[in-house]
Amino acid sequence: MPSLSTLLLTLGAAALTLAAPSPNPPSTLKTSPSTPFTLSKRTIAYQSSNDCDYCGEAVPQYTFDAAQPLAADCVQITKDHPGPGFWTIPTSATLAAGPERWVTLAASGTCAFQVQQDLWETEVVEYQFGTNDLGFYVRSHASTYQAQDGRVGVTSSVYCRRYLGGDPTKSRLGYLDWRVAHT
């Protein structure tokens, strides 16, 4: 009979089983220093002095193989879009992203940062995602410190505050998924 500590370690290891994000990001526009806020065909980016932190803590699932983006490219996204600011993801972008609903917010080299409205939600809604959220998740979970052989794939569900119709006085909480995926 295994000891309690052995059983807990086994359960913890099972909970940390790695899962791969799916590899089909929507196409994105290239950004340049002269157009730093044209991030994708479907999302709208805003500079803001207001709150740019909409989401809570992540529980990441990692993948490390040659099909994953270079961690250095993911870190470059945070340098290209330091904020403060946020992206508004309109319902049209979510619907245009297909059945998986992954919408690319920003990309650099081999790395794309994507968000997805929770698939369990039947109503597609407009939502926001902050530059602080993107920067925190990439620095904490998709940087060269987490990479193996320079590559890292990561995805997580997070609980986020969403403004309905862009109105901060009308908000609700809901789950979103984010990931870094190969472009």
N, C-alpha and C. Protein backbone atom coordinates (compact mmCIF):
# COMPACT_ATOMS: atom_id res chain seq x y z
N MET A 1 0.85 -1.18 0.00
CA MET A 1 0.00 0.00 0.00
C MET A 1 0.90 1.24 0.00
N PRO A 2 0.69 2.17 -0.98
CA PRO A 2 1.54 3.37 -1.02
C PRO A 2 1.23 4.31 0.14
N SER A 3 2.25 5.06 0.52
CA SER A 3 2.05 6.04 1.59
C SER A 3 1.21 7.20 1.07
N LEU A 4 0.69 7.99 1.99
CA LEU A 4 -0.13 9.15 1.62
C LEU A 4 0.68 10.13 0.78
N SER A 5 1.95 10.36 1.14
CA SER A 5 2.77 11.31 0.37
C SER A 5 3.02 10.79 -1.04
N THR A 6 3.24 9.48 -1.21
CA THR A 6 3.42 8.91 -2.55
C THR A 6 2.15 9.07 -3.37
N LEU A 7 1.02 8.82 -2.76
CA LEU A 7 -0.26 8.97 -3.45
C LEU A 7 -0.49 10.41 -3.88
N LEU A 8 -0.20 11.37 -3.00
CA LEU A 8 -0.37 12.78 -3.35
C LEU A 8 0.58 13.20 -4.47
N LEU A 9 1.82 12.73 -4.44
CA LEU A 9 2.76 13.04 -5.52
C LEU A 9 2.29 12.46 -6.84
N THR A 10 1.76 11.26 -6.82
CA THR A 10 1.25 10.63 -8.04
C THR A 10 0.07 11.41 -8.60
N LEU A 11 -0.85 11.82 -7.72
CA LEU A 11 -2.00 12.61 -8.18
C LEU A 11 -1.55 13.96 -8.72
N GLY A 12 -0.58 14.59 -8.06
CA GLY A 12 -0.06 15.88 -8.54
C GLY A 12 0.59 15.76 -9.90
N ALA A 13 1.34 14.69 -10.12
CA ALA A 13 1.98 14.48 -11.42
C ALA A 13 0.93 14.26 -12.50
N ALA A 14 -0.12 13.52 -12.17
CA ALA A 14 -1.19 13.29 -13.14
C ALA A 14 -1.89 14.60 -13.50
N ALA A 15 -2.02 15.49 -12.54
CA ALA A 15 -2.69 16.77 -12.80
C ALA A 15 -1.84 17.68 -13.67
N LEU A 16 -0.53 17.43 -13.72
CA LEU A 16 0.36 18.28 -14.51
C LEU A 16 0.68 17.68 -15.88
N THR A 17 -0.09 16.71 -16.32
CA THR A 17 0.12 16.12 -17.63
C THR A 17 0.05 17.20 -18.70
N LEU A 18 0.98 17.18 -19.62
CA LEU A 18 1.09 18.24 -20.62
C LEU A 18 0.13 18.00 -21.77
N ALA A 19 -0.45 19.08 -22.29
CA ALA A 19 -1.35 19.01 -23.43
C ALA A 19 -0.89 20.01 -24.48
N ALA A 20 -1.03 19.65 -25.75
CA ALA A 20 -0.60 20.51 -26.84
C ALA A 20 -1.75 21.38 -27.34
N PRO A 21 -1.49 22.68 -27.56
CA PRO A 21 -2.51 23.52 -28.18
C PRO A 21 -2.65 23.16 -29.65
N SER A 22 -3.82 23.39 -30.23
CA SER A 22 -3.98 23.08 -31.64
C SER A 22 -3.25 24.12 -32.48
N PRO A 23 -2.71 23.74 -33.66
CA PRO A 23 -1.77 24.58 -34.38
C PRO A 23 -2.36 25.46 -35.48
N ASN A 24 -3.60 25.91 -35.44
CA ASN A 24 -4.18 26.63 -36.56
C ASN A 24 -4.56 28.06 -36.21
N PRO A 25 -3.58 28.98 -36.08
CA PRO A 25 -3.93 30.36 -35.76
C PRO A 25 -4.52 31.08 -36.97
N PRO A 26 -5.42 32.05 -36.74
CA PRO A 26 -5.90 32.86 -37.84
C PRO A 26 -4.75 33.70 -38.40
N SER A 27 -4.86 34.14 -39.65
CA SER A 27 -3.80 34.95 -40.23
C SER A 27 -3.77 36.32 -39.57
N THR A 28 -2.58 36.88 -39.47
CA THR A 28 -2.42 38.18 -38.82
C THR A 28 -1.68 39.13 -39.74
N LEU A 29 -1.84 40.40 -39.48
CA LEU A 29 -1.08 41.42 -40.19
C LEU A 29 0.29 41.54 -39.55
N LYS A 30 1.30 41.84 -40.33
CA LYS A 30 2.62 42.13 -39.78
C LYS A 30 2.55 43.50 -39.14
N THR A 31 3.23 43.66 -38.02
CA THR A 31 3.28 44.97 -37.38
C THR A 31 4.64 45.59 -37.65
N SER A 32 4.69 46.89 -37.61
CA SER A 32 5.94 47.61 -37.78
C SER A 32 5.94 48.76 -36.79
N PRO A 33 7.09 49.38 -36.57
CA PRO A 33 7.13 50.49 -35.62
C PRO A 33 6.17 51.62 -35.99
N SER A 34 5.87 51.79 -37.27
CA SER A 34 4.97 52.88 -37.66
C SER A 34 3.50 52.52 -37.44
N THR A 35 3.19 51.24 -37.26
CA THR A 35 1.81 50.83 -37.00
C THR A 35 1.77 49.84 -35.84
N PRO A 36 2.18 50.27 -34.64
CA PRO A 36 2.31 49.32 -33.55
C PRO A 36 1.00 48.78 -33.02
N PHE A 37 -0.13 49.36 -33.37
CA PHE A 37 -1.37 48.90 -32.79
C PHE A 37 -2.29 48.25 -33.81
N THR A 38 -1.79 47.94 -35.00
CA THR A 38 -2.53 47.14 -35.96
C THR A 38 -2.07 45.71 -35.72
N LEU A 39 -2.76 45.00 -34.84
CA LEU A 39 -2.26 43.71 -34.37
C LEU A 39 -2.81 42.53 -35.12
N SER A 40 -4.03 42.59 -35.57
CA SER A 40 -4.57 41.51 -36.36
C SER A 40 -5.70 42.06 -37.19
N LYS A 41 -6.18 41.26 -38.11
CA LYS A 41 -7.24 41.71 -38.99
C LYS A 41 -8.54 41.94 -38.24
N ARG A 42 -8.73 41.26 -37.12
CA ARG A 42 -10.05 41.27 -36.50
C ARG A 42 -10.13 41.95 -35.15
N THR A 43 -9.03 42.10 -34.45
CA THR A 43 -9.10 42.71 -33.12
C THR A 43 -8.77 44.19 -33.19
N ILE A 44 -9.19 44.91 -32.19
CA ILE A 44 -8.96 46.35 -32.12
C ILE A 44 -8.12 46.61 -30.88
N ALA A 45 -6.98 47.27 -31.05
CA ALA A 45 -6.09 47.56 -29.92
C ALA A 45 -6.19 49.02 -29.54
N TYR A 46 -6.14 49.29 -28.24
CA TYR A 46 -6.25 50.65 -27.73
C TYR A 46 -5.12 50.93 -26.76
N GLN A 47 -4.54 52.12 -26.84
CA GLN A 47 -3.64 52.59 -25.79
C GLN A 47 -4.54 53.13 -24.69
N SER A 48 -4.12 52.97 -23.46
CA SER A 48 -4.96 53.42 -22.37
C SER A 48 -4.11 53.71 -21.15
N SER A 49 -4.52 54.70 -20.39
CA SER A 49 -3.88 54.93 -19.10
C SER A 49 -4.68 54.23 -18.01
N ASN A 50 -5.79 53.62 -18.40
CA ASN A 50 -6.66 52.93 -17.45
C ASN A 50 -6.18 51.50 -17.23
N ASP A 51 -6.93 50.77 -16.44
CA ASP A 51 -6.67 49.39 -16.12
C ASP A 51 -6.46 48.56 -17.39
N CYS A 52 -5.39 47.78 -17.41
CA CYS A 52 -5.15 46.89 -18.55
C CYS A 52 -4.89 45.48 -18.04
N ASP A 53 -5.52 45.15 -16.93
CA ASP A 53 -5.36 43.86 -16.28
C ASP A 53 -6.77 43.32 -16.04
N TYR A 54 -7.20 42.39 -16.89
CA TYR A 54 -8.57 41.91 -16.84
C TYR A 54 -8.69 40.50 -16.27
N CYS A 55 -7.62 39.72 -16.26
CA CYS A 55 -7.72 38.29 -15.98
C CYS A 55 -6.92 37.87 -14.76
N GLY A 56 -7.28 36.70 -14.23
CA GLY A 56 -6.66 36.16 -13.04
C GLY A 56 -5.50 35.22 -13.33
N GLU A 57 -5.21 34.37 -12.37
CA GLU A 57 -4.07 33.47 -12.44
C GLU A 57 -4.28 32.35 -13.45
N ALA A 58 -3.20 31.93 -14.05
CA ALA A 58 -3.21 30.86 -15.05
C ALA A 58 -2.81 29.53 -14.41
N VAL A 59 -3.30 28.46 -14.99
CA VAL A 59 -2.88 27.10 -14.67
C VAL A 59 -2.38 26.51 -15.99
N PRO A 60 -1.11 26.75 -16.31
CA PRO A 60 -0.62 26.45 -17.65
C PRO A 60 -0.42 24.97 -17.92
N GLN A 61 -0.60 24.63 -19.19
CA GLN A 61 -0.27 23.30 -19.70
C GLN A 61 0.78 23.52 -20.78
N TYR A 62 1.93 22.87 -20.63
CA TYR A 62 3.07 23.10 -21.50
C TYR A 62 3.25 21.99 -22.52
N THR A 63 3.85 22.36 -23.65
CA THR A 63 4.28 21.42 -24.67
C THR A 63 5.66 21.86 -25.13
N PHE A 64 6.57 20.92 -25.24
CA PHE A 64 7.94 21.23 -25.65
C PHE A 64 8.33 20.31 -26.79
N ASP A 65 8.26 20.78 -28.00
CA ASP A 65 8.74 20.01 -29.14
C ASP A 65 9.05 20.97 -30.29
N ALA A 66 9.54 20.45 -31.37
CA ALA A 66 9.98 21.28 -32.50
C ALA A 66 8.84 22.03 -33.16
N ALA A 67 7.60 21.62 -32.94
CA ALA A 67 6.44 22.29 -33.55
C ALA A 67 6.02 23.54 -32.78
N GLN A 68 6.62 23.79 -31.62
CA GLN A 68 6.23 24.92 -30.78
C GLN A 68 7.01 26.18 -31.18
N PRO A 69 6.50 27.37 -30.82
CA PRO A 69 7.21 28.60 -31.17
C PRO A 69 8.48 28.78 -30.35
N LEU A 70 9.35 29.62 -30.88
CA LEU A 70 10.55 29.99 -30.14
C LEU A 70 10.17 30.93 -29.00
N ALA A 71 10.63 30.63 -27.81
CA ALA A 71 10.31 31.46 -26.65
C ALA A 71 10.78 32.89 -26.84
N ALA A 72 11.91 33.09 -27.48
CA ALA A 72 12.41 34.45 -27.71
C ALA A 72 11.43 35.26 -28.56
N ASP A 73 10.75 34.62 -29.52
CA ASP A 73 9.75 35.31 -30.32
C ASP A 73 8.54 35.70 -29.47
N CYS A 74 8.17 34.83 -28.54
CA CYS A 74 7.04 35.14 -27.65
C CYS A 74 7.37 36.33 -26.76
N VAL A 75 8.59 36.36 -26.23
CA VAL A 75 9.02 37.49 -25.40
C VAL A 75 9.02 38.78 -26.21
N GLN A 76 9.36 38.70 -27.49
CA GLN A 76 9.37 39.89 -28.34
C GLN A 76 7.99 40.52 -28.43
N ILE A 77 6.93 39.71 -28.38
CA ILE A 77 5.57 40.26 -28.41
C ILE A 77 5.37 41.23 -27.26
N THR A 78 5.86 40.88 -26.07
CA THR A 78 5.68 41.77 -24.92
C THR A 78 6.49 43.05 -25.07
N LYS A 79 7.61 42.97 -25.75
CA LYS A 79 8.41 44.18 -26.00
C LYS A 79 7.74 45.07 -27.05
N ASP A 80 7.10 44.45 -28.03
CA ASP A 80 6.42 45.21 -29.08
C ASP A 80 5.15 45.90 -28.57
N HIS A 81 4.53 45.34 -27.53
CA HIS A 81 3.24 45.84 -27.03
C HIS A 81 3.27 45.92 -25.50
N PRO A 82 4.08 46.84 -24.96
CA PRO A 82 4.24 46.89 -23.51
C PRO A 82 3.05 47.48 -22.77
N GLY A 83 2.19 48.23 -23.45
CA GLY A 83 1.05 48.84 -22.80
C GLY A 83 1.43 50.13 -22.11
N PRO A 84 0.57 50.70 -21.31
CA PRO A 84 -0.73 50.11 -20.96
C PRO A 84 -1.70 50.20 -22.13
N GLY A 85 -2.58 49.24 -22.18
CA GLY A 85 -3.58 49.20 -23.23
C GLY A 85 -4.35 47.89 -23.19
N PHE A 86 -5.18 47.70 -24.18
CA PHE A 86 -5.98 46.48 -24.22
C PHE A 86 -6.46 46.25 -25.64
N TRP A 87 -6.87 45.03 -25.88
CA TRP A 87 -7.49 44.66 -27.14
C TRP A 87 -8.98 44.46 -26.89
N THR A 88 -9.80 44.89 -27.81
CA THR A 88 -11.21 44.55 -27.79
C THR A 88 -11.42 43.49 -28.85
N ILE A 89 -11.99 42.37 -28.46
CA ILE A 89 -12.26 41.29 -29.39
C ILE A 89 -13.76 41.29 -29.64
N PRO A 90 -14.19 41.83 -30.79
CA PRO A 90 -15.63 41.90 -31.07
C PRO A 90 -16.20 40.52 -31.38
N THR A 91 -17.50 40.39 -31.25
CA THR A 91 -18.14 39.10 -31.55
C THR A 91 -17.83 38.65 -32.96
N SER A 92 -17.71 39.59 -33.90
CA SER A 92 -17.42 39.22 -35.29
C SER A 92 -16.07 38.52 -35.42
N ALA A 93 -15.08 38.91 -34.62
CA ALA A 93 -13.77 38.26 -34.66
C ALA A 93 -13.86 36.84 -34.13
N THR A 94 -14.59 36.66 -33.05
CA THR A 94 -14.76 35.32 -32.48
C THR A 94 -15.48 34.41 -33.46
N LEU A 95 -16.54 34.90 -34.07
CA LEU A 95 -17.30 34.09 -35.03
C LEU A 95 -16.47 33.79 -36.28
N ALA A 96 -15.68 34.75 -36.74
CA ALA A 96 -14.86 34.54 -37.93
C ALA A 96 -13.71 33.56 -37.69
N ALA A 97 -13.36 33.34 -36.43
CA ALA A 97 -12.24 32.46 -36.10
C ALA A 97 -12.60 30.98 -36.24
N GLY A 98 -13.85 30.67 -36.53
CA GLY A 98 -14.24 29.29 -36.73
C GLY A 98 -14.68 28.61 -35.45
N PRO A 99 -14.88 27.30 -35.52
CA PRO A 99 -15.46 26.58 -34.38
C PRO A 99 -14.58 26.58 -33.14
N GLU A 100 -13.27 26.70 -33.29
CA GLU A 100 -12.40 26.72 -32.11
C GLU A 100 -12.28 28.11 -31.49
N ARG A 101 -12.66 29.16 -32.23
CA ARG A 101 -12.72 30.54 -31.73
C ARG A 101 -11.39 31.16 -31.33
N TRP A 102 -10.25 30.64 -31.78
CA TRP A 102 -8.96 31.24 -31.43
C TRP A 102 -8.76 32.50 -32.26
N VAL A 103 -8.52 33.63 -31.59
CA VAL A 103 -8.28 34.92 -32.24
C VAL A 103 -6.87 35.37 -31.88
N THR A 104 -6.08 35.70 -32.89
CA THR A 104 -4.71 36.16 -32.67
C THR A 104 -4.71 37.63 -32.27
N LEU A 105 -4.09 37.94 -31.14
CA LEU A 105 -3.94 39.33 -30.70
C LEU A 105 -2.66 39.94 -31.23
N ALA A 106 -1.57 39.20 -31.18
CA ALA A 106 -0.28 39.72 -31.63
C ALA A 106 0.61 38.55 -32.02
N ALA A 107 1.56 38.83 -32.90
CA ALA A 107 2.49 37.79 -33.35
C ALA A 107 3.85 38.40 -33.59
N SER A 108 4.87 37.58 -33.40
CA SER A 108 6.25 37.97 -33.70
C SER A 108 7.01 36.71 -34.08
N GLY A 109 7.61 36.71 -35.25
CA GLY A 109 8.37 35.55 -35.69
C GLY A 109 7.53 34.29 -35.71
N THR A 110 7.93 33.30 -34.92
CA THR A 110 7.22 32.02 -34.89
C THR A 110 6.08 31.98 -33.87
N CYS A 111 5.92 33.04 -33.09
CA CYS A 111 4.99 33.01 -31.95
C CYS A 111 3.76 33.89 -32.16
N ALA A 112 2.60 33.33 -31.88
CA ALA A 112 1.35 34.10 -31.88
C ALA A 112 0.71 33.95 -30.50
N PHE A 113 0.22 35.06 -29.96
CA PHE A 113 -0.55 35.03 -28.71
C PHE A 113 -2.01 35.08 -29.10
N GLN A 114 -2.77 34.06 -28.68
CA GLN A 114 -4.17 33.93 -29.08
C GLN A 114 -5.07 33.79 -27.87
N VAL A 115 -6.30 34.25 -28.03
CA VAL A 115 -7.32 34.10 -26.99
C VAL A 115 -8.55 33.42 -27.59
N GLN A 116 -9.32 32.82 -26.70
CA GLN A 116 -10.50 32.08 -27.12
C GLN A 116 -11.58 32.24 -26.05
N GLN A 117 -12.76 32.65 -26.48
CA GLN A 117 -13.89 32.66 -25.55
C GLN A 117 -14.19 31.21 -25.19
N ASP A 118 -14.50 30.97 -23.94
CA ASP A 118 -14.75 29.61 -23.48
C ASP A 118 -15.80 28.93 -24.36
N LEU A 119 -15.49 27.73 -24.81
CA LEU A 119 -16.38 27.02 -25.74
C LEU A 119 -17.68 26.56 -25.08
N TRP A 120 -17.72 26.54 -23.75
CA TRP A 120 -18.95 26.14 -23.06
C TRP A 120 -19.99 27.24 -23.08
N GLU A 121 -19.55 28.46 -23.34
CA GLU A 121 -20.50 29.57 -23.39
C GLU A 121 -21.21 29.56 -24.74
N THR A 122 -22.52 29.54 -24.69
CA THR A 122 -23.29 29.50 -25.94
C THR A 122 -23.41 30.88 -26.57
N GLU A 123 -23.39 31.94 -25.77
CA GLU A 123 -23.50 33.30 -26.30
C GLU A 123 -22.11 33.86 -26.56
N VAL A 124 -21.85 34.25 -27.80
CA VAL A 124 -20.58 34.89 -28.13
C VAL A 124 -20.70 36.36 -27.77
N VAL A 125 -19.74 36.87 -27.00
CA VAL A 125 -19.78 38.26 -26.54
C VAL A 125 -18.47 38.97 -26.88
N GLU A 126 -18.54 40.29 -26.96
CA GLU A 126 -17.34 41.11 -27.09
C GLU A 126 -16.62 41.07 -25.75
N TYR A 127 -15.29 41.02 -25.80
CA TYR A 127 -14.53 41.05 -24.55
C TYR A 127 -13.21 41.77 -24.76
N GLN A 128 -12.54 42.06 -23.65
CA GLN A 128 -11.28 42.77 -23.67
C GLN A 128 -10.19 41.87 -23.09
N PHE A 129 -8.96 42.14 -23.53
CA PHE A 129 -7.80 41.44 -23.00
C PHE A 129 -6.69 42.46 -22.87
N GLY A 130 -6.13 42.59 -21.68
CA GLY A 130 -5.17 43.65 -21.40
C GLY A 130 -3.74 43.33 -21.79
N THR A 131 -2.99 44.38 -22.12
CA THR A 131 -1.57 44.20 -22.41
C THR A 131 -0.82 43.70 -21.18
N ASN A 132 -1.27 44.09 -20.00
CA ASN A 132 -0.65 43.59 -18.77
C ASN A 132 -0.86 42.09 -18.64
N ASP A 133 -2.07 41.61 -18.99
CA ASP A 133 -2.34 40.17 -18.95
C ASP A 133 -1.40 39.43 -19.90
N LEU A 134 -1.32 39.90 -21.14
CA LEU A 134 -0.47 39.25 -22.13
C LEU A 134 0.98 39.23 -21.64
N GLY A 135 1.47 40.37 -21.19
CA GLY A 135 2.86 40.43 -20.72
C GLY A 135 3.13 39.52 -19.55
N PHE A 136 2.21 39.50 -18.59
CA PHE A 136 2.39 38.65 -17.41
C PHE A 136 2.41 37.17 -17.80
N TYR A 137 1.47 36.75 -18.64
CA TYR A 137 1.40 35.33 -19.01
C TYR A 137 2.62 34.90 -19.82
N VAL A 138 3.07 35.74 -20.74
CA VAL A 138 4.25 35.38 -21.53
C VAL A 138 5.49 35.35 -20.64
N ARG A 139 5.70 36.38 -19.84
CA ARG A 139 6.89 36.40 -18.97
C ARG A 139 6.87 35.26 -17.96
N SER A 140 5.70 34.91 -17.46
CA SER A 140 5.60 33.87 -16.43
C SER A 140 5.58 32.46 -16.99
N HIS A 141 5.10 32.29 -18.22
CA HIS A 141 4.86 30.93 -18.71
C HIS A 141 5.41 30.62 -20.09
N ALA A 142 5.87 31.61 -20.85
CA ALA A 142 6.33 31.33 -22.22
C ALA A 142 7.64 32.03 -22.54
N SER A 143 8.47 32.24 -21.55
CA SER A 143 9.75 32.91 -21.80
C SER A 143 10.85 31.87 -21.93
N THR A 144 12.06 32.34 -22.13
CA THR A 144 13.19 31.43 -22.29
C THR A 144 13.45 30.62 -21.02
N TYR A 145 12.97 31.07 -19.87
CA TYR A 145 13.15 30.32 -18.62
C TYR A 145 12.33 29.04 -18.61
N GLN A 146 11.17 29.04 -19.26
CA GLN A 146 10.33 27.86 -19.30
C GLN A 146 10.64 26.96 -20.50
N ALA A 147 11.34 27.48 -21.49
CA ALA A 147 11.56 26.76 -22.74
C ALA A 147 12.50 25.57 -22.57
N GLN A 148 12.32 24.62 -23.44
CA GLN A 148 13.26 23.51 -23.57
C GLN A 148 13.76 23.55 -25.01
N ASP A 149 15.07 23.58 -25.18
CA ASP A 149 15.68 23.74 -26.51
C ASP A 149 15.16 25.00 -27.20
N GLY A 150 14.85 26.04 -26.41
CA GLY A 150 14.42 27.32 -26.95
C GLY A 150 12.97 27.40 -27.36
N ARG A 151 12.20 26.33 -27.17
CA ARG A 151 10.81 26.31 -27.63
C ARG A 151 9.85 26.04 -26.47
N VAL A 152 8.66 26.65 -26.58
CA VAL A 152 7.63 26.41 -25.57
C VAL A 152 6.26 26.65 -26.18
N GLY A 153 5.35 25.76 -25.89
CA GLY A 153 3.94 25.95 -26.21
C GLY A 153 3.19 25.91 -24.89
N VAL A 154 2.26 26.81 -24.71
CA VAL A 154 1.54 26.86 -23.43
C VAL A 154 0.12 27.34 -23.68
N THR A 155 -0.79 26.79 -22.90
CA THR A 155 -2.19 27.21 -22.95
C THR A 155 -2.75 27.19 -21.54
N SER A 156 -3.76 28.02 -21.28
CA SER A 156 -4.38 28.05 -19.96
C SER A 156 -5.77 28.66 -20.05
N SER A 157 -6.63 28.24 -19.16
CA SER A 157 -7.90 28.92 -18.94
C SER A 157 -7.69 29.94 -17.83
N VAL A 158 -8.33 31.09 -17.95
CA VAL A 158 -8.25 32.13 -16.93
C VAL A 158 -9.62 32.75 -16.74
N TYR A 159 -9.86 33.22 -15.54
CA TYR A 159 -11.12 33.89 -15.22
C TYR A 159 -10.91 35.37 -15.45
N CYS A 160 -11.74 35.99 -16.29
CA CYS A 160 -11.54 37.39 -16.69
C CYS A 160 -12.78 38.23 -16.47
N ARG A 161 -12.55 39.50 -16.22
CA ARG A 161 -13.63 40.49 -16.18
C ARG A 161 -13.86 40.94 -17.62
N ARG A 162 -15.11 40.98 -18.03
CA ARG A 162 -15.43 41.41 -19.39
C ARG A 162 -16.43 42.54 -19.34
N TYR A 163 -16.18 43.56 -20.14
CA TYR A 163 -17.11 44.68 -20.24
C TYR A 163 -18.06 44.40 -21.38
N LEU A 164 -19.33 44.39 -21.09
CA LEU A 164 -20.34 44.13 -22.10
C LEU A 164 -20.52 45.36 -22.97
N GLY A 165 -20.34 45.19 -24.26
CA GLY A 165 -20.46 46.30 -25.19
C GLY A 165 -19.42 47.38 -24.96
N GLY A 166 -18.30 47.04 -24.31
CA GLY A 166 -17.25 48.01 -24.05
C GLY A 166 -17.56 48.97 -22.91
N ASP A 167 -18.65 48.76 -22.19
CA ASP A 167 -19.07 49.66 -21.12
C ASP A 167 -18.56 49.15 -19.77
N PRO A 168 -17.60 49.87 -19.13
CA PRO A 168 -17.05 49.40 -17.86
C PRO A 168 -18.07 49.33 -16.73
N THR A 169 -19.21 49.99 -16.87
CA THR A 169 -20.23 49.91 -15.82
C THR A 169 -21.07 48.64 -15.95
N LYS A 170 -20.93 47.94 -17.07
CA LYS A 170 -21.67 46.70 -17.29
C LYS A 170 -20.65 45.59 -17.55
N SER A 171 -20.25 44.93 -16.48
CA SER A 171 -19.25 43.88 -16.64
C SER A 171 -19.74 42.58 -16.04
N ARG A 172 -19.10 41.51 -16.48
CA ARG A 172 -19.36 40.20 -15.88
C ARG A 172 -18.07 39.40 -15.96
N LEU A 173 -18.01 38.35 -15.21
CA LEU A 173 -16.84 37.49 -15.20
C LEU A 173 -17.10 36.26 -16.05
N GLY A 174 -16.07 35.75 -16.65
CA GLY A 174 -16.19 34.54 -17.45
C GLY A 174 -14.83 33.97 -17.76
N TYR A 175 -14.81 32.74 -18.22
CA TYR A 175 -13.55 32.09 -18.57
C TYR A 175 -13.15 32.40 -20.00
N LEU A 176 -11.85 32.61 -20.17
CA LEU A 176 -11.23 32.72 -21.48
C LEU A 176 -10.06 31.75 -21.49
N ASP A 177 -9.67 31.32 -22.66
CA ASP A 177 -8.46 30.54 -22.81
C ASP A 177 -7.45 31.40 -23.55
N TRP A 178 -6.19 31.24 -23.23
CA TRP A 178 -5.12 31.90 -23.99
C TRP A 178 -4.07 30.85 -24.31
N ARG A 179 -3.29 31.13 -25.34
CA ARG A 179 -2.19 30.23 -25.68
C ARG A 179 -1.14 30.98 -26.48
N VAL A 180 0.06 30.44 -26.48
CA VAL A 180 1.06 30.84 -27.46
C VAL A 180 1.16 29.66 -28.41
N ALA A 181 1.08 29.97 -29.69
CA ALA A 181 1.07 28.94 -30.72
C ALA A 181 2.02 29.32 -31.83
N HIS A 182 2.44 28.35 -32.58
CA HIS A 182 3.33 28.58 -33.72
C HIS A 182 2.56 29.25 -34.84
N THR A 183 3.15 30.28 -35.44
CA THR A 183 2.50 30.99 -36.55
C THR A 183 2.56 30.17 -37.82
